[in-house]
Every structure is written in structure tokens, then in C-alpha cells.
Amino acid sequence: MFYKVKAVKPLKDFILEITFENSTIKYYNVSNLFEKWPNFIDLKNISGLFENVKVDNGGYGISWNENIDLSCNELWENGYII
């Protein structure tokens, strides 16, 4: 099952606020990926890149550019509710 993304909002400290189509809101800490996936370190090193996150067509994920993206399932499964 896919939990499609409706909206994404970048917050401080590399946290994303994700709103899913079922109205659930979760937070996702992108900084956990800096060591795991080398492309993600660009979000820290390139000024303004983190804030340019967008929802992909269809809501199946989010992306910053052609090299940095996350699937809706990753966000759903590893996001957390505050």
C-alpha cells in the first residue's frame, strides 16, 4: 500500500513535515541519511537546497533534484508523529 504525500515542509535541523493524503502528518529527520547515503550530504553543504524540497508528481515521493529523493513508503515507515 502506498501512503501518498500531499505536502512537504522543510523545518529546522533537517526535519521535514510530511502531510499524507490520508491527513496524517509525520516528521522525518533527513540528517540520519547523511552518512548512509552520500548524495544527501549535499542538503547540508549546498545553501538553500534543503528548503527546495518538493512533492513528486502523483505523491509517490519527494525530491530535491535528480540525485536526491525519498519514496512515500520511506517517509511513512520511518517518519514519526509528534
PDB file of N, CA and C in Angstrom:
ATOM      1  N   MET A   1       0.835  -1.185   0.000  1.00  0.00           N
ATOM      2  CA  MET A   1       0.000   0.000   0.000  1.00  0.00           C
ATOM      3  C   MET A   1       0.879   1.247   0.000  1.00  0.00           C
ATOM      4  N   PHE A   2       0.479   2.214  -0.780  1.00  0.00           N
ATOM      5  CA  PHE A   2       1.209   3.478  -0.830  1.00  0.00           C
ATOM      6  C   PHE A   2       0.485   4.520   0.010  1.00  0.00           C
ATOM      7  N   TYR A   3       1.248   5.249   0.806  1.00  0.00           N
ATOM      8  CA  TYR A   3       0.733   6.387   1.550  1.00  0.00           C
ATOM      9  C   TYR A   3       1.258   7.625   0.834  1.00  0.00           C
ATOM     10  N   LYS A   4       0.485   8.126  -0.087  1.00  0.00           N
ATOM     11  CA  LYS A   4       0.940   9.220  -0.943  1.00  0.00           C
ATOM     12  C   LYS A   4       1.114  10.522  -0.155  1.00  0.00           C
ATOM     13  N   VAL A   5       2.105  11.280  -0.581  1.00  0.00           N
ATOM     14  CA  VAL A   5       2.427  12.559   0.030  1.00  0.00           C
ATOM     15  C   VAL A   5       1.564  13.649  -0.610  1.00  0.00           C
ATOM     16  N   LYS A   6       0.957  14.456   0.237  1.00  0.00           N
ATOM     17  CA  LYS A   6       0.158  15.590  -0.227  1.00  0.00           C
ATOM     18  C   LYS A   6       0.976  16.882  -0.187  1.00  0.00           C
ATOM     19  N   ALA A   7       1.790  17.042   0.886  1.00  0.00           N
ATOM     20  CA  ALA A   7       2.582  18.266   1.042  1.00  0.00           C
ATOM     21  C   ALA A   7       3.827  17.970   1.861  1.00  0.00           C
ATOM     22  N   VAL A   8       4.858  18.786   1.644  1.00  0.00           N
ATOM     23  CA  VAL A   8       6.100  18.670   2.413  1.00  0.00           C
ATOM     24  C   VAL A   8       6.552  20.072   2.785  1.00  0.00           C
ATOM     25  N   LYS A   9       7.032  20.199   4.017  1.00  0.00           N
ATOM     26  CA  LYS A   9       7.504  21.492   4.508  1.00  0.00           C
ATOM     27  C   LYS A   9       8.831  21.288   5.221  1.00  0.00           C
ATOM     28  N   PRO A  10       9.901  21.970   4.770  1.00  0.00           N
ATOM     29  CA  PRO A  10      11.191  21.856   5.467  1.00  0.00           C
ATOM     30  C   PRO A  10      11.161  22.655   6.768  1.00  0.00           C
ATOM     31  N   LEU A  11      11.666  22.060   7.844  1.00  0.00           N
ATOM     32  CA  LEU A  11      11.758  22.714   9.142  1.00  0.00           C
ATOM     33  C   LEU A  11      13.229  22.854   9.526  1.00  0.00           C
ATOM     34  N   LYS A  12      13.492  23.335  10.712  1.00  0.00           N
ATOM     35  CA  LYS A  12      14.871  23.471  11.199  1.00  0.00           C
ATOM     36  C   LYS A  12      15.507  22.109  11.419  1.00  0.00           C
ATOM     37  N   ASP A  13      16.836  22.098  11.424  1.00  0.00           N
ATOM     38  CA  ASP A  13      17.637  20.921  11.756  1.00  0.00           C
ATOM     39  C   ASP A  13      17.356  19.723  10.853  1.00  0.00           C
ATOM     40  N   PHE A  14      17.063  19.993   9.588  1.00  0.00           N
ATOM     41  CA  PHE A  14      16.870  18.959   8.563  1.00  0.00           C
ATOM     42  C   PHE A  14      15.692  18.025   8.859  1.00  0.00           C
ATOM     43  N   ILE A  15      14.659  18.592   9.464  1.00  0.00           N
ATOM     44  CA  ILE A  15      13.414  17.869   9.706  1.00  0.00           C
ATOM     45  C   ILE A  15      12.419  18.277   8.626  1.00  0.00           C
ATOM     46  N   LEU A  16      11.687  17.301   8.112  1.00  0.00           N
ATOM     47  CA  LEU A  16      10.612  17.560   7.165  1.00  0.00           C
ATOM     48  C   LEU A  16       9.272  17.281   7.839  1.00  0.00           C
ATOM     49  N   GLU A  17       8.313  18.139   7.567  1.00  0.00           N
ATOM     50  CA  GLU A  17       6.938  17.882   7.973  1.00  0.00           C
ATOM     51  C   GLU A  17       6.214  17.369   6.744  1.00  0.00           C
ATOM     52  N   ILE A  18       5.743  16.140   6.816  1.00  0.00           N
ATOM     53  CA  ILE A  18       5.108  15.485   5.683  1.00  0.00           C
ATOM     54  C   ILE A  18       3.619  15.341   5.964  1.00  0.00           C
ATOM     55  N   THR A  19       2.792  15.836   5.055  1.00  0.00           N
ATOM     56  CA  THR A  19       1.350  15.621   5.142  1.00  0.00           C
ATOM     57  C   THR A  19       0.980  14.609   4.074  1.00  0.00           C
ATOM     58  N   PHE A  20       0.356  13.527   4.515  1.00  0.00           N
ATOM     59  CA  PHE A  20      -0.043  12.471   3.594  1.00  0.00           C
ATOM     60  C   PHE A  20      -1.487  12.694   3.147  1.00  0.00           C
ATOM     61  N   GLU A  21      -1.889  12.039   2.058  1.00  0.00           N
ATOM     62  CA  GLU A  21      -3.230  12.209   1.515  1.00  0.00           C
ATOM     63  C   GLU A  21      -4.323  11.765   2.478  1.00  0.00           C
ATOM     64  N   ASN A  22      -3.991  10.889   3.438  1.00  0.00           N
ATOM     65  CA  ASN A  22      -4.983  10.454   4.420  1.00  0.00           C
ATOM     66  C   ASN A  22      -5.044  11.411   5.622  1.00  0.00           C
ATOM     67  N   SER A  23      -4.412  12.573   5.493  1.00  0.00           N
ATOM     68  CA  SER A  23      -4.377  13.652   6.503  1.00  0.00           C
ATOM     69  C   SER A  23      -3.435  13.397   7.672  1.00  0.00           C
ATOM     70  N   THR A  24      -2.704  12.306   7.673  1.00  0.00           N
ATOM     71  CA  THR A  24      -1.702  12.052   8.702  1.00  0.00           C
ATOM     72  C   THR A  24      -0.521  12.986   8.478  1.00  0.00           C
ATOM     73  N   ILE A  25       0.000  13.541   9.561  1.00  0.00           N
ATOM     74  CA  ILE A  25       1.195  14.375   9.492  1.00  0.00           C
ATOM     75  C   ILE A  25       2.309  13.673  10.255  1.00  0.00           C
ATOM     76  N   LYS A  26       3.441  13.509   9.599  1.00  0.00           N
ATOM     77  CA  LYS A  26       4.609  12.893  10.220  1.00  0.00           C
ATOM     78  C   LYS A  26       5.814  13.793  10.004  1.00  0.00           C
ATOM     79  N   TYR A  27       6.813  13.575  10.846  1.00  0.00           N
ATOM     80  CA  TYR A  27       8.086  14.283  10.735  1.00  0.00           C
ATOM     81  C   TYR A  27       9.157  13.272  10.361  1.00  0.00           C
ATOM     82  N   TYR A  28      10.103  13.725   9.550  1.00  0.00           N
ATOM     83  CA  TYR A  28      11.166  12.843   9.066  1.00  0.00           C
ATOM     84  C   TYR A  28      12.491  13.581   9.204  1.00  0.00           C
ATOM     85  N   ASN A  29      13.456  12.948   9.866  1.00  0.00           N
ATOM     86  CA  ASN A  29      14.766  13.541  10.090  1.00  0.00           C
ATOM     87  C   ASN A  29      15.724  13.123   8.968  1.00  0.00           C
ATOM     88  N   VAL A  30      15.974  14.031   8.062  1.00  0.00           N
ATOM     89  CA  VAL A  30      16.830  13.756   6.908  1.00  0.00           C
ATOM     90  C   VAL A  30      18.297  13.610   7.315  1.00  0.00           C
ATOM     91  N   SER A  31      18.713  14.240   8.404  1.00  0.00           N
ATOM     92  CA  SER A  31      20.129  14.179   8.803  1.00  0.00           C
ATOM     93  C   SER A  31      20.581  12.754   9.106  1.00  0.00           C
ATOM     94  N   ASN A  32      19.647  11.856   9.395  1.00  0.00           N
ATOM     95  CA  ASN A  32      20.010  10.448   9.613  1.00  0.00           C
ATOM     96  C   ASN A  32      20.567   9.799   8.350  1.00  0.00           C
ATOM     97  N   LEU A  33      20.353  10.417   7.208  1.00  0.00           N
ATOM     98  CA  LEU A  33      20.796   9.840   5.927  1.00  0.00           C
ATOM     99  C   LEU A  33      22.140  10.367   5.458  1.00  0.00           C
ATOM    100  N   PHE A  34      22.679  11.377   6.132  1.00  0.00           N
ATOM    101  CA  PHE A  34      23.928  11.994   5.680  1.00  0.00           C
ATOM    102  C   PHE A  34      25.084  10.996   5.584  1.00  0.00           C
ATOM    103  N   GLU A  35      25.193  10.102   6.523  1.00  0.00           N
ATOM    104  CA  GLU A  35      26.282   9.113   6.483  1.00  0.00           C
ATOM    105  C   GLU A  35      25.900   7.872   5.693  1.00  0.00           C
ATOM    106  N   LYS A  36      24.624   7.565   5.660  1.00  0.00           N
ATOM    107  CA  LYS A  36      24.158   6.353   4.984  1.00  0.00           C
ATOM    108  C   LYS A  36      24.195   6.481   3.461  1.00  0.00           C
ATOM    109  N   TRP A  37      23.776   7.637   2.948  1.00  0.00           N
ATOM    110  CA  TRP A  37      23.708   7.873   1.506  1.00  0.00           C
ATOM    111  C   TRP A  37      24.469   9.157   1.179  1.00  0.00           C
ATOM    112  N   PRO A  38      25.626   9.071   0.552  1.00  0.00           N
ATOM    113  CA  PRO A  38      26.488  10.234   0.298  1.00  0.00           C
ATOM    114  C   PRO A  38      25.806  11.412  -0.410  1.00  0.00           C
ATOM    115  N   ASN A  39      24.853  11.160  -1.300  1.00  0.00           N
ATOM    116  CA  ASN A  39      24.190  12.266  -2.002  1.00  0.00           C
ATOM    117  C   ASN A  39      23.479  13.213  -1.045  1.00  0.00           C
ATOM    118  N   PHE A  40      22.989  12.696   0.071  1.00  0.00           N
ATOM    119  CA  PHE A  40      22.205  13.510   0.989  1.00  0.00           C
ATOM    120  C   PHE A  40      23.032  14.568   1.717  1.00  0.00           C
ATOM    121  N   ILE A  41      24.338  14.414   1.778  1.00  0.00           N
ATOM    122  CA  ILE A  41      25.183  15.415   2.439  1.00  0.00           C
ATOM    123  C   ILE A  41      25.101  16.760   1.704  1.00  0.00           C
ATOM    124  N   ASP A  42      24.741  16.738   0.416  1.00  0.00           N
ATOM    125  CA  ASP A  42      24.563  17.985  -0.332  1.00  0.00           C
ATOM    126  C   ASP A  42      23.480  18.865   0.295  1.00  0.00           C
ATOM    127  N   LEU A  43      22.491  18.261   0.934  1.00  0.00           N
ATOM    128  CA  LEU A  43      21.432  19.038   1.580  1.00  0.00           C
ATOM    129  C   LEU A  43      21.988  19.884   2.716  1.00  0.00           C
ATOM    130  N   LYS A  44      23.079  19.443   3.296  1.00  0.00           N
ATOM    131  CA  LYS A  44      23.752  20.181   4.368  1.00  0.00           C
ATOM    132  C   LYS A  44      24.764  21.174   3.800  1.00  0.00           C
ATOM    133  N   ASN A  45      25.463  20.773   2.755  1.00  0.00           N
ATOM    134  CA  ASN A  45      26.580  21.558   2.243  1.00  0.00           C
ATOM    135  C   ASN A  45      26.207  22.622   1.214  1.00  0.00           C
ATOM    136  N   ILE A  46      25.096  22.469   0.520  1.00  0.00           N
ATOM    137  CA  ILE A  46      24.687  23.433  -0.501  1.00  0.00           C
ATOM    138  C   ILE A  46      23.592  24.319   0.082  1.00  0.00           C
ATOM    139  N   SER A  47      23.913  25.568   0.270  1.00  0.00           N
ATOM    140  CA  SER A  47      22.993  26.527   0.887  1.00  0.00           C
ATOM    141  C   SER A  47      21.672  26.608   0.121  1.00  0.00           C
ATOM    142  N   GLY A  48      20.565  26.453   0.836  1.00  0.00           N
ATOM    143  CA  GLY A  48      19.237  26.582   0.255  1.00  0.00           C
ATOM    144  C   GLY A  48      18.677  25.340  -0.390  1.00  0.00           C
ATOM    145  N   LEU A  49      19.474  24.306  -0.597  1.00  0.00           N
ATOM    146  CA  LEU A  49      18.984  23.106  -1.270  1.00  0.00           C
ATOM    147  C   LEU A  49      17.929  22.387  -0.441  1.00  0.00           C
ATOM    148  N   PHE A  50      18.151  22.238   0.851  1.00  0.00           N
ATOM    149  CA  PHE A  50      17.187  21.525   1.694  1.00  0.00           C
ATOM    150  C   PHE A  50      15.797  22.161   1.604  1.00  0.00           C
ATOM    151  N   GLU A  51      15.744  23.473   1.558  1.00  0.00           N
ATOM    152  CA  GLU A  51      14.475  24.193   1.529  1.00  0.00           C
ATOM    153  C   GLU A  51      13.737  24.056   0.192  1.00  0.00           C
ATOM    154  N   ASN A  52      14.408  23.563  -0.836  1.00  0.00           N
ATOM    155  CA  ASN A  52      13.806  23.420  -2.161  1.00  0.00           C
ATOM    156  C   ASN A  52      13.133  22.065  -2.386  1.00  0.00           C
ATOM    157  N   VAL A  53      12.794  21.375  -1.335  1.00  0.00           N
ATOM    158  CA  VAL A  53      12.129  20.076  -1.448  1.00  0.00           C
ATOM    159  C   VAL A  53      10.737  20.252  -2.062  1.00  0.00           C
ATOM    160  N   LYS A  54      10.329  19.268  -2.863  1.00  0.00           N
ATOM    161  CA  LYS A  54       9.003  19.311  -3.486  1.00  0.00           C
ATOM    162  C   LYS A  54       8.411  17.903  -3.541  1.00  0.00           C
ATOM    163  N   VAL A  55       7.097  17.855  -3.632  1.00  0.00           N
ATOM    164  CA  VAL A  55       6.389  16.589  -3.778  1.00  0.00           C
ATOM    165  C   VAL A  55       6.478  16.166  -5.240  1.00  0.00           C
ATOM    166  N   ASP A  56       6.810  14.906  -5.472  1.00  0.00           N
ATOM    167  CA  ASP A  56       6.879  14.387  -6.836  1.00  0.00           C
ATOM    168  C   ASP A  56       5.468  14.239  -7.409  1.00  0.00           C
ATOM    169  N   ASN A  57       5.369  14.256  -8.725  1.00  0.00           N
ATOM    170  CA  ASN A  57       4.082  14.049  -9.391  1.00  0.00           C
ATOM    171  C   ASN A  57       3.444  12.754  -8.917  1.00  0.00           C
ATOM    172  N   GLY A  58       2.195  12.810  -8.571  1.00  0.00           N
ATOM    173  CA  GLY A  58       1.478  11.626  -8.115  1.00  0.00           C
ATOM    174  C   GLY A  58       1.584  11.382  -6.623  1.00  0.00           C
ATOM    175  N   GLY A  59       2.498  12.084  -5.937  1.00  0.00           N
ATOM    176  CA  GLY A  59       2.629  11.936  -4.496  1.00  0.00           C
ATOM    177  C   GLY A  59       3.380  10.705  -4.035  1.00  0.00           C
ATOM    178  N   TYR A  60       4.102  10.052  -4.948  1.00  0.00           N
ATOM    179  CA  TYR A  60       4.808   8.823  -4.592  1.00  0.00           C
ATOM    180  C   TYR A  60       6.153   9.062  -3.918  1.00  0.00           C
ATOM    181  N   GLY A  61       6.483  10.313  -3.683  1.00  0.00           N
ATOM    182  CA  GLY A  61       7.738  10.626  -3.012  1.00  0.00           C
ATOM    183  C   GLY A  61       7.988  12.121  -3.028  1.00  0.00           C
ATOM    184  N   ILE A  62       9.189  12.481  -2.574  1.00  0.00           N
ATOM    185  CA  ILE A  62       9.628  13.876  -2.581  1.00  0.00           C
ATOM    186  C   ILE A  62      11.018  13.917  -3.191  1.00  0.00           C
ATOM    187  N   SER A  63      11.415  15.097  -3.646  1.00  0.00           N
ATOM    188  CA  SER A  63      12.757  15.198  -4.222  1.00  0.00           C
ATOM    189  C   SER A  63      13.280  16.624  -4.092  1.00  0.00           C
ATOM    190  N   TRP A  64      14.589  16.710  -4.185  1.00  0.00           N
ATOM    191  CA  TRP A  64      15.287  17.988  -4.209  1.00  0.00           C
ATOM    192  C   TRP A  64      15.878  18.231  -5.588  1.00  0.00           C
ATOM    193  N   ASN A  65      16.389  17.177  -6.181  1.00  0.00           N
ATOM    194  CA  ASN A  65      16.935  17.233  -7.542  1.00  0.00           C
ATOM    195  C   ASN A  65      16.942  15.806  -8.094  1.00  0.00           C
ATOM    196  N   GLU A  66      17.581  15.607  -9.227  1.00  0.00           N
ATOM    197  CA  GLU A  66      17.559  14.276  -9.854  1.00  0.00           C
ATOM    198  C   GLU A  66      18.375  13.231  -9.086  1.00  0.00           C
ATOM    199  N   ASN A  67      19.203  13.661  -8.141  1.00  0.00           N
ATOM    200  CA  ASN A  67      20.041  12.728  -7.388  1.00  0.00           C
ATOM    201  C   ASN A  67      19.596  12.497  -5.952  1.00  0.00           C
ATOM    202  N   ILE A  68      18.670  13.306  -5.458  1.00  0.00           N
ATOM    203  CA  ILE A  68      18.274  13.203  -4.054  1.00  0.00           C
ATOM    204  C   ILE A  68      16.753  13.145  -3.971  1.00  0.00           C
ATOM    205  N   ASP A  69      16.242  11.988  -3.540  1.00  0.00           N
ATOM    206  CA  ASP A  69      14.799  11.820  -3.390  1.00  0.00           C
ATOM    207  C   ASP A  69      14.491  10.762  -2.341  1.00  0.00           C
ATOM    208  N   LEU A  70      13.245  10.736  -1.902  1.00  0.00           N
ATOM    209  CA  LEU A  70      12.773   9.748  -0.939  1.00  0.00           C
ATOM    210  C   LEU A  70      11.389   9.274  -1.359  1.00  0.00           C
ATOM    211  N   SER A  71      11.130   7.999  -1.190  1.00  0.00           N
ATOM    212  CA  SER A  71       9.832   7.446  -1.552  1.00  0.00           C
ATOM    213  C   SER A  71       8.801   7.724  -0.463  1.00  0.00           C
ATOM    214  N   CYS A  72       7.544   7.699  -0.857  1.00  0.00           N
ATOM    215  CA  CYS A  72       6.465   7.902   0.114  1.00  0.00           C
ATOM    216  C   CYS A  72       6.481   6.805   1.173  1.00  0.00           C
ATOM    217  N   ASN A  73       6.843   5.586   0.805  1.00  0.00           N
ATOM    218  CA  ASN A  73       6.889   4.494   1.788  1.00  0.00           C
ATOM    219  C   ASN A  73       8.002   4.705   2.811  1.00  0.00           C
ATOM    220  N   GLU A  74       9.138   5.194   2.389  1.00  0.00           N
ATOM    221  CA  GLU A  74      10.232   5.509   3.317  1.00  0.00           C
ATOM    222  C   GLU A  74       9.770   6.557   4.317  1.00  0.00           C
ATOM    223  N   LEU A  75       9.118   7.586   3.837  1.00  0.00           N
ATOM    224  CA  LEU A  75       8.640   8.661   4.711  1.00  0.00           C
ATOM    225  C   LEU A  75       7.594   8.166   5.687  1.00  0.00           C
ATOM    226  N   TRP A  76       6.695   7.306   5.208  1.00  0.00           N
ATOM    227  CA  TRP A  76       5.636   6.772   6.057  1.00  0.00           C
ATOM    228  C   TRP A  76       6.201   5.835   7.120  1.00  0.00           C
ATOM    229  N   GLU A  77       7.043   4.901   6.694  1.00  0.00           N
ATOM    230  CA  GLU A  77       7.560   3.875   7.605  1.00  0.00           C
ATOM    231  C   GLU A  77       8.566   4.413   8.613  1.00  0.00           C
ATOM    232  N   ASN A  78       9.356   5.390   8.233  1.00  0.00           N
ATOM    233  CA  ASN A  78      10.411   5.904   9.133  1.00  0.00           C
ATOM    234  C   ASN A  78      10.137   7.307   9.644  1.00  0.00           C
ATOM    235  N   GLY A  79       9.016   7.870   9.269  1.00  0.00           N
ATOM    236  CA  GLY A  79       8.605   9.141   9.843  1.00  0.00           C
ATOM    237  C   GLY A  79       8.006   8.891  11.226  1.00  0.00           C
ATOM    238  N   TYR A  80       7.844   9.952  11.977  1.00  0.00           N
ATOM    239  CA  TYR A  80       7.296   9.817  13.329  1.00  0.00           C
ATOM    240  C   TYR A  80       6.280  10.915  13.593  1.00  0.00           C
ATOM    241  N   ILE A  81       5.342  10.597  14.436  1.00  0.00           N
ATOM    242  CA  ILE A  81       4.303  11.552  14.816  1.00  0.00           C
ATOM    243  C   ILE A  81       4.700  12.187  16.136  1.00  0.00           C
ATOM    244  N   ILE A  82       4.567  13.515  16.210  1.00  0.00           N
ATOM    245  CA  ILE A  82       4.866  14.218  17.459  1.00  0.00           C
ATOM    246  C   ILE A  82       3.563  14.481  18.191  1.00  0.00           C
TER     247      ILE A  82
END
